[in-house]
Amino acid sequence: MDARRSDTPVYSIGTVARLLDISVQTLRLYESEGLILANKSAGGQRLYSEADVHRLECIRKAITEEKIGIAGIRRMQSLIPCWQVIHCTDEQRLACPAYTDHDGGCWTYRHEGNTCAGRDCRVCEVYRLGTSCADIKQLIQQTTT
């Protein structure tokens, strides 16, 4: 599948809710908790891509099959070594809340004065790693070995 095509936001929130057999309110909760970044149309409608659907499937599996709560998922997302992926300098890394805090993925923090300032987190390589549960696990394992 073409990478750009899988990242193109085309599904409405209602369609994704039906695809995943969850409520629209649950999708909004995941967004408010920073588990997913919904794209919004000019009119404010949430739109999701195929990659977003895969990311949500990973989140749902963690919650329903592995019994990991939202706080646990946020903690796991905080372990993704964004500073390695983005190649931050030591100085930037030490000043970045995504490195020093452990409450969510780097896309949940404001980035000022570092490599990520002004970047669109939805297209960032770090955020896109979350599309696959296996990719996240592999990256964390590589960092800890």
N, C-alpha and C. Protein backbone atom coordinates (compact mmCIF):
# COMPACT_ATOMS: atom_id res chain seq x y z
N MET A 1 0.85 -1.19 0.00
CA MET A 1 0.00 0.00 0.00
C MET A 1 0.88 1.24 0.00
N ASP A 2 0.51 2.24 -0.75
CA ASP A 2 1.23 3.51 -0.83
C ASP A 2 1.18 4.20 0.52
N ALA A 3 2.37 4.58 1.06
CA ALA A 3 2.44 5.19 2.39
C ALA A 3 1.62 6.46 2.47
N ARG A 4 1.68 7.30 1.44
CA ARG A 4 0.89 8.54 1.47
C ARG A 4 -0.59 8.22 1.51
N ARG A 5 -0.99 7.23 0.77
CA ARG A 5 -2.39 6.86 0.73
C ARG A 5 -2.87 6.36 2.08
N SER A 6 -2.05 5.59 2.79
CA SER A 6 -2.47 5.06 4.09
C SER A 6 -2.52 6.15 5.16
N ASP A 7 -1.84 7.29 4.91
CA ASP A 7 -1.86 8.41 5.85
C ASP A 7 -2.91 9.46 5.49
N THR A 8 -3.61 9.27 4.40
CA THR A 8 -4.60 10.24 3.96
C THR A 8 -5.86 10.11 4.81
N PRO A 9 -6.25 11.18 5.50
CA PRO A 9 -7.45 11.11 6.34
C PRO A 9 -8.72 11.11 5.49
N VAL A 10 -9.43 9.98 5.52
CA VAL A 10 -10.63 9.83 4.69
C VAL A 10 -11.85 9.34 5.46
N TYR A 11 -11.64 8.73 6.63
CA TYR A 11 -12.75 8.14 7.37
C TYR A 11 -13.29 9.11 8.41
N SER A 12 -14.60 9.22 8.47
CA SER A 12 -15.23 10.04 9.51
C SER A 12 -15.14 9.31 10.85
N ILE A 13 -15.37 10.03 11.91
CA ILE A 13 -15.31 9.44 13.24
C ILE A 13 -16.38 8.35 13.39
N GLY A 14 -17.54 8.56 12.80
CA GLY A 14 -18.60 7.55 12.86
C GLY A 14 -18.23 6.28 12.13
N THR A 15 -17.58 6.42 10.98
CA THR A 15 -17.15 5.26 10.21
C THR A 15 -16.11 4.46 10.99
N VAL A 16 -15.15 5.14 11.59
CA VAL A 16 -14.11 4.45 12.37
C VAL A 16 -14.72 3.77 13.58
N ALA A 17 -15.66 4.43 14.23
CA ALA A 17 -16.34 3.82 15.38
C ALA A 17 -17.02 2.52 14.96
N ARG A 18 -17.69 2.54 13.81
CA ARG A 18 -18.36 1.32 13.33
C ARG A 18 -17.33 0.24 12.95
N LEU A 19 -16.24 0.64 12.28
CA LEU A 19 -15.20 -0.33 11.88
C LEU A 19 -14.61 -1.04 13.09
N LEU A 20 -14.42 -0.31 14.19
CA LEU A 20 -13.78 -0.87 15.38
C LEU A 20 -14.77 -1.34 16.44
N ASP A 21 -16.05 -1.13 16.16
CA ASP A 21 -17.12 -1.52 17.08
C ASP A 21 -16.93 -0.86 18.45
N ILE A 22 -16.68 0.45 18.41
CA ILE A 22 -16.57 1.25 19.63
C ILE A 22 -17.40 2.52 19.43
N SER A 23 -17.57 3.26 20.47
CA SER A 23 -18.39 4.47 20.38
C SER A 23 -17.56 5.66 19.91
N VAL A 24 -18.25 6.64 19.38
CA VAL A 24 -17.62 7.90 19.00
C VAL A 24 -17.00 8.56 20.23
N GLN A 25 -17.68 8.44 21.37
CA GLN A 25 -17.16 9.02 22.61
C GLN A 25 -15.83 8.39 23.01
N THR A 26 -15.68 7.09 22.76
CA THR A 26 -14.42 6.41 23.06
C THR A 26 -13.30 6.97 22.19
N LEU A 27 -13.58 7.20 20.92
CA LEU A 27 -12.57 7.78 20.02
C LEU A 27 -12.18 9.18 20.50
N ARG A 28 -13.16 9.95 20.92
CA ARG A 28 -12.86 11.30 21.43
C ARG A 28 -12.04 11.22 22.73
N LEU A 29 -12.33 10.23 23.56
CA LEU A 29 -11.55 10.03 24.78
C LEU A 29 -10.09 9.71 24.44
N TYR A 30 -9.88 8.82 23.49
CA TYR A 30 -8.51 8.47 23.09
C TYR A 30 -7.77 9.71 22.58
N GLU A 31 -8.47 10.55 21.86
CA GLU A 31 -7.86 11.78 21.37
C GLU A 31 -7.54 12.72 22.54
N SER A 32 -8.48 12.90 23.46
CA SER A 32 -8.25 13.81 24.58
C SER A 32 -7.13 13.31 25.49
N GLU A 33 -6.92 12.00 25.53
CA GLU A 33 -5.85 11.41 26.35
C GLU A 33 -4.51 11.39 25.62
N GLY A 34 -4.49 11.81 24.36
CA GLY A 34 -3.24 11.87 23.61
C GLY A 34 -2.82 10.56 22.99
N LEU A 35 -3.71 9.58 22.94
CA LEU A 35 -3.35 8.30 22.34
C LEU A 35 -3.34 8.38 20.82
N ILE A 36 -4.13 9.29 20.28
CA ILE A 36 -4.22 9.46 18.83
C ILE A 36 -4.41 10.94 18.52
N LEU A 37 -3.89 11.34 17.38
CA LEU A 37 -4.07 12.71 16.90
C LEU A 37 -5.01 12.67 15.70
N ALA A 38 -6.21 13.13 15.88
CA ALA A 38 -7.18 13.14 14.78
C ALA A 38 -6.89 14.33 13.87
N ASN A 39 -7.02 14.11 12.60
CA ASN A 39 -6.92 15.21 11.65
C ASN A 39 -8.29 15.88 11.63
N LYS A 40 -8.31 17.18 11.48
CA LYS A 40 -9.60 17.88 11.43
C LYS A 40 -9.72 18.62 10.10
N SER A 41 -10.89 18.50 9.50
CA SER A 41 -11.17 19.19 8.25
C SER A 41 -11.33 20.68 8.52
N ALA A 42 -11.43 21.45 7.46
CA ALA A 42 -11.63 22.90 7.61
C ALA A 42 -12.88 23.20 8.42
N GLY A 43 -13.88 22.32 8.34
CA GLY A 43 -15.12 22.49 9.08
C GLY A 43 -15.08 21.91 10.48
N GLY A 44 -13.93 21.36 10.90
CA GLY A 44 -13.78 20.83 12.23
C GLY A 44 -14.15 19.36 12.39
N GLN A 45 -14.48 18.69 11.28
CA GLN A 45 -14.83 17.27 11.35
C GLN A 45 -13.56 16.43 11.52
N ARG A 46 -13.61 15.49 12.47
CA ARG A 46 -12.48 14.59 12.66
C ARG A 46 -12.43 13.60 11.51
N LEU A 47 -11.22 13.43 10.97
CA LEU A 47 -11.01 12.48 9.88
C LEU A 47 -9.84 11.58 10.23
N TYR A 48 -9.95 10.31 9.89
CA TYR A 48 -8.94 9.33 10.23
C TYR A 48 -8.44 8.63 8.97
N SER A 49 -7.18 8.25 9.00
CA SER A 49 -6.56 7.54 7.88
C SER A 49 -6.55 6.05 8.16
N GLU A 50 -6.11 5.28 7.18
CA GLU A 50 -5.94 3.84 7.36
C GLU A 50 -4.90 3.59 8.46
N ALA A 51 -3.83 4.39 8.48
CA ALA A 51 -2.80 4.26 9.53
C ALA A 51 -3.40 4.54 10.90
N ASP A 52 -4.30 5.52 10.99
CA ASP A 52 -4.97 5.81 12.26
C ASP A 52 -5.81 4.62 12.73
N VAL A 53 -6.49 3.98 11.79
CA VAL A 53 -7.31 2.81 12.13
C VAL A 53 -6.42 1.70 12.68
N HIS A 54 -5.25 1.47 12.05
CA HIS A 54 -4.32 0.45 12.56
C HIS A 54 -3.82 0.81 13.96
N ARG A 55 -3.52 2.09 14.18
CA ARG A 55 -3.08 2.55 15.49
C ARG A 55 -4.18 2.29 16.53
N LEU A 56 -5.42 2.60 16.17
CA LEU A 56 -6.54 2.37 17.08
C LEU A 56 -6.75 0.89 17.35
N GLU A 57 -6.53 0.06 16.36
CA GLU A 57 -6.63 -1.40 16.57
C GLU A 57 -5.59 -1.85 17.60
N CYS A 58 -4.40 -1.29 17.52
CA CYS A 58 -3.34 -1.61 18.49
C CYS A 58 -3.76 -1.17 19.89
N ILE A 59 -4.31 0.02 20.00
CA ILE A 59 -4.78 0.54 21.29
C ILE A 59 -5.90 -0.35 21.83
N ARG A 60 -6.85 -0.69 21.00
CA ARG A 60 -7.97 -1.54 21.43
C ARG A 60 -7.49 -2.90 21.91
N LYS A 61 -6.52 -3.48 21.19
CA LYS A 61 -5.98 -4.78 21.59
C LYS A 61 -5.32 -4.67 22.96
N ALA A 62 -4.57 -3.61 23.18
CA ALA A 62 -3.91 -3.42 24.47
C ALA A 62 -4.94 -3.32 25.60
N ILE A 63 -6.03 -2.65 25.33
CA ILE A 63 -7.06 -2.44 26.36
C ILE A 63 -7.89 -3.70 26.58
N THR A 64 -8.37 -4.30 25.51
CA THR A 64 -9.32 -5.40 25.66
C THR A 64 -8.66 -6.76 25.89
N GLU A 65 -7.54 -7.02 25.21
CA GLU A 65 -6.91 -8.34 25.33
C GLU A 65 -5.81 -8.37 26.39
N GLU A 66 -5.05 -7.30 26.48
CA GLU A 66 -3.91 -7.28 27.39
C GLU A 66 -4.23 -6.56 28.70
N LYS A 67 -5.44 -6.02 28.78
CA LYS A 67 -5.94 -5.36 30.00
C LYS A 67 -5.05 -4.22 30.47
N ILE A 68 -4.53 -3.45 29.51
CA ILE A 68 -3.72 -2.27 29.82
C ILE A 68 -4.63 -1.06 29.75
N GLY A 69 -4.63 -0.26 30.79
CA GLY A 69 -5.46 0.94 30.83
C GLY A 69 -4.86 2.07 30.02
N ILE A 70 -5.61 3.14 29.88
CA ILE A 70 -5.15 4.30 29.13
C ILE A 70 -3.87 4.87 29.72
N ALA A 71 -3.78 4.95 31.04
CA ALA A 71 -2.56 5.46 31.68
C ALA A 71 -1.36 4.58 31.34
N GLY A 72 -1.56 3.28 31.30
CA GLY A 72 -0.48 2.35 30.94
C GLY A 72 -0.04 2.53 29.50
N ILE A 73 -1.00 2.75 28.62
CA ILE A 73 -0.66 2.97 27.21
C ILE A 73 0.11 4.28 27.06
N ARG A 74 -0.34 5.31 27.76
CA ARG A 74 0.38 6.59 27.72
C ARG A 74 1.81 6.40 28.22
N ARG A 75 1.98 5.64 29.26
CA ARG A 75 3.32 5.38 29.81
C ARG A 75 4.18 4.64 28.78
N MET A 76 3.60 3.63 28.13
CA MET A 76 4.36 2.90 27.10
C MET A 76 4.74 3.82 25.95
N GLN A 77 3.82 4.69 25.55
CA GLN A 77 4.12 5.63 24.48
C GLN A 77 5.25 6.58 24.89
N SER A 78 5.33 6.90 26.18
CA SER A 78 6.40 7.79 26.65
C SER A 78 7.76 7.13 26.56
N LEU A 79 7.80 5.82 26.47
CA LEU A 79 9.06 5.08 26.39
C LEU A 79 9.65 5.06 24.98
N ILE A 80 8.88 5.45 24.00
CA ILE A 80 9.42 5.50 22.63
C ILE A 80 10.54 6.54 22.62
N PRO A 81 11.74 6.14 22.26
CA PRO A 81 12.90 7.05 22.34
C PRO A 81 12.91 8.05 21.18
N CYS A 82 12.03 9.03 21.28
CA CYS A 82 11.89 10.01 20.20
C CYS A 82 13.19 10.74 19.91
N TRP A 83 13.97 11.01 20.96
CA TRP A 83 15.23 11.73 20.79
C TRP A 83 16.20 10.96 19.89
N GLN A 84 16.12 9.62 19.91
CA GLN A 84 16.97 8.82 19.03
C GLN A 84 16.46 8.86 17.60
N VAL A 85 15.17 8.77 17.45
CA VAL A 85 14.57 8.75 16.11
C VAL A 85 14.77 10.09 15.41
N ILE A 86 14.57 11.18 16.15
CA ILE A 86 14.66 12.53 15.59
C ILE A 86 16.10 13.05 15.58
N HIS A 87 16.96 12.42 16.34
CA HIS A 87 18.37 12.82 16.44
C HIS A 87 18.53 14.19 17.10
N CYS A 88 17.94 14.33 18.26
CA CYS A 88 18.09 15.56 19.04
C CYS A 88 19.50 15.63 19.62
N THR A 89 19.96 16.83 19.82
CA THR A 89 21.23 17.00 20.51
C THR A 89 21.02 16.68 21.99
N ASP A 90 22.10 16.43 22.70
CA ASP A 90 21.99 16.15 24.14
C ASP A 90 21.34 17.32 24.87
N GLU A 91 21.70 18.53 24.49
CA GLU A 91 21.14 19.73 25.13
C GLU A 91 19.63 19.82 24.91
N GLN A 92 19.18 19.58 23.67
CA GLN A 92 17.75 19.62 23.38
C GLN A 92 17.02 18.52 24.13
N ARG A 93 17.60 17.34 24.15
CA ARG A 93 16.97 16.20 24.82
C ARG A 93 16.76 16.49 26.30
N LEU A 94 17.79 16.99 26.97
CA LEU A 94 17.70 17.25 28.40
C LEU A 94 16.71 18.36 28.75
N ALA A 95 16.43 19.25 27.80
CA ALA A 95 15.49 20.35 28.03
C ALA A 95 14.07 19.99 27.58
N CYS A 96 13.90 18.84 27.00
CA CYS A 96 12.61 18.46 26.41
C CYS A 96 11.75 17.69 27.41
N PRO A 97 10.50 18.11 27.61
CA PRO A 97 9.63 17.39 28.54
C PRO A 97 9.31 15.97 28.08
N ALA A 98 9.38 15.70 26.79
CA ALA A 98 9.13 14.34 26.29
C ALA A 98 10.22 13.39 26.78
N TYR A 99 11.40 13.90 27.06
CA TYR A 99 12.50 13.08 27.58
C TYR A 99 12.46 13.01 29.11
N THR A 100 12.14 14.11 29.74
CA THR A 100 12.21 14.17 31.20
C THR A 100 10.94 13.68 31.90
N ASP A 101 9.78 13.79 31.25
CA ASP A 101 8.52 13.35 31.84
C ASP A 101 8.14 11.99 31.27
N HIS A 102 7.17 11.36 31.87
CA HIS A 102 6.76 10.02 31.43
C HIS A 102 5.25 9.86 31.40
N ASP A 103 4.58 10.90 30.90
CA ASP A 103 3.12 10.87 30.94
C ASP A 103 2.47 10.71 29.57
N GLY A 104 3.25 10.50 28.53
CA GLY A 104 2.65 10.31 27.22
C GLY A 104 3.69 10.40 26.12
N GLY A 105 3.27 10.07 24.92
CA GLY A 105 4.15 10.16 23.77
C GLY A 105 4.61 11.60 23.54
N CYS A 106 5.69 11.76 22.84
CA CYS A 106 6.26 13.10 22.64
C CYS A 106 5.27 14.04 21.96
N TRP A 107 4.33 13.50 21.19
CA TRP A 107 3.34 14.34 20.50
C TRP A 107 2.35 14.99 21.47
N THR A 108 2.36 14.60 22.73
CA THR A 108 1.45 15.20 23.71
C THR A 108 2.05 16.43 24.39
N TYR A 109 3.29 16.75 24.08
CA TYR A 109 3.99 17.87 24.71
C TYR A 109 4.15 19.03 23.73
N ARG A 110 4.27 20.21 24.29
CA ARG A 110 4.60 21.39 23.47
C ARG A 110 6.09 21.37 23.22
N HIS A 111 6.45 21.63 21.98
CA HIS A 111 7.87 21.63 21.61
C HIS A 111 8.27 23.05 21.26
N GLU A 112 9.14 23.60 22.09
CA GLU A 112 9.62 24.96 21.87
C GLU A 112 11.13 24.95 21.91
N GLY A 113 11.73 25.54 20.90
CA GLY A 113 13.18 25.68 20.89
C GLY A 113 13.95 24.39 20.70
N ASN A 114 13.32 23.38 20.09
CA ASN A 114 14.06 22.16 19.81
C ASN A 114 13.76 21.68 18.39
N THR A 115 14.29 20.54 18.05
CA THR A 115 14.17 19.99 16.71
C THR A 115 12.72 19.85 16.27
N CYS A 116 11.82 19.59 17.19
CA CYS A 116 10.42 19.33 16.85
C CYS A 116 9.55 20.59 16.78
N ALA A 117 10.08 21.71 17.18
CA ALA A 117 9.30 22.96 17.18
C ALA A 117 8.76 23.22 15.77
N GLY A 118 7.46 23.45 15.70
CA GLY A 118 6.83 23.77 14.41
C GLY A 118 6.52 22.57 13.53
N ARG A 119 6.88 21.38 13.96
CA ARG A 119 6.59 20.18 13.16
C ARG A 119 5.16 19.71 13.38
N ASP A 120 4.63 19.05 12.37
CA ASP A 120 3.31 18.43 12.47
C ASP A 120 3.51 17.02 13.02
N CYS A 121 3.08 16.79 14.24
CA CYS A 121 3.30 15.50 14.88
C CYS A 121 2.62 14.35 14.13
N ARG A 122 1.52 14.62 13.45
CA ARG A 122 0.82 13.54 12.73
C ARG A 122 1.70 12.89 11.66
N VAL A 123 2.61 13.65 11.09
CA VAL A 123 3.46 13.09 10.04
C VAL A 123 4.86 12.75 10.54
N CYS A 124 5.09 12.95 11.83
CA CYS A 124 6.40 12.67 12.43
C CYS A 124 6.63 11.16 12.47
N GLU A 125 7.86 10.77 12.22
CA GLU A 125 8.24 9.36 12.25
C GLU A 125 7.95 8.71 13.61
N VAL A 126 8.15 9.45 14.67
CA VAL A 126 7.92 8.91 16.02
C VAL A 126 6.44 8.57 16.21
N TYR A 127 5.57 9.50 15.87
CA TYR A 127 4.13 9.25 16.01
C TYR A 127 3.69 8.09 15.11
N ARG A 128 4.22 8.06 13.91
CA ARG A 128 3.83 7.03 12.95
C ARG A 128 4.28 5.64 13.38
N LEU A 129 5.28 5.55 14.26
CA LEU A 129 5.70 4.24 14.78
C LEU A 129 4.56 3.56 15.53
N GLY A 130 3.67 4.35 16.11
CA GLY A 130 2.57 3.82 16.89
C GLY A 130 1.49 3.13 16.08
N THR A 131 1.64 3.12 14.77
CA THR A 131 0.67 2.45 13.92
C THR A 131 0.74 0.94 14.11
N SER A 132 1.89 0.45 14.49
CA SER A 132 2.09 -0.98 14.65
C SER A 132 2.56 -1.31 16.06
N CYS A 133 1.83 -2.16 16.75
CA CYS A 133 2.23 -2.58 18.10
C CYS A 133 3.60 -3.23 18.07
N ALA A 134 3.88 -4.03 17.05
CA ALA A 134 5.17 -4.72 16.94
C ALA A 134 6.31 -3.74 16.76
N ASP A 135 6.10 -2.67 16.00
CA ASP A 135 7.16 -1.67 15.80
C ASP A 135 7.52 -0.99 17.10
N ILE A 136 6.52 -0.65 17.90
CA ILE A 136 6.77 0.00 19.19
C ILE A 136 7.58 -0.93 20.09
N LYS A 137 7.16 -2.16 20.18
CA LYS A 137 7.85 -3.13 21.04
C LYS A 137 9.29 -3.30 20.59
N GLN A 138 9.51 -3.44 19.30
CA GLN A 138 10.85 -3.64 18.78
C GLN A 138 11.74 -2.44 19.06
N LEU A 139 11.21 -1.23 18.88
CA LEU A 139 12.00 -0.04 19.12
C LEU A 139 12.38 0.09 20.59
N ILE A 140 11.44 -0.18 21.49
CA ILE A 140 11.73 -0.11 22.92
C ILE A 140 12.77 -1.17 23.30
N GLN A 141 12.65 -2.37 22.74
CA GLN A 141 13.61 -3.43 23.02
C GLN A 141 15.01 -3.04 22.55
N GLN A 142 15.12 -2.42 21.39
CA GLN A 142 16.42 -2.01 20.86
C GLN A 142 17.07 -0.98 21.77
N THR A 143 16.26 -0.12 22.35
CA THR A 143 16.78 0.94 23.21
C THR A 143 17.28 0.40 24.54
N THR A 144 16.64 -0.65 25.03
CA THR A 144 16.98 -1.15 26.36
C THR A 144 18.05 -2.24 26.33
N THR A 145 18.45 -2.68 25.16
CA THR A 145 19.47 -3.74 25.09
C THR A 145 20.82 -3.17 24.78
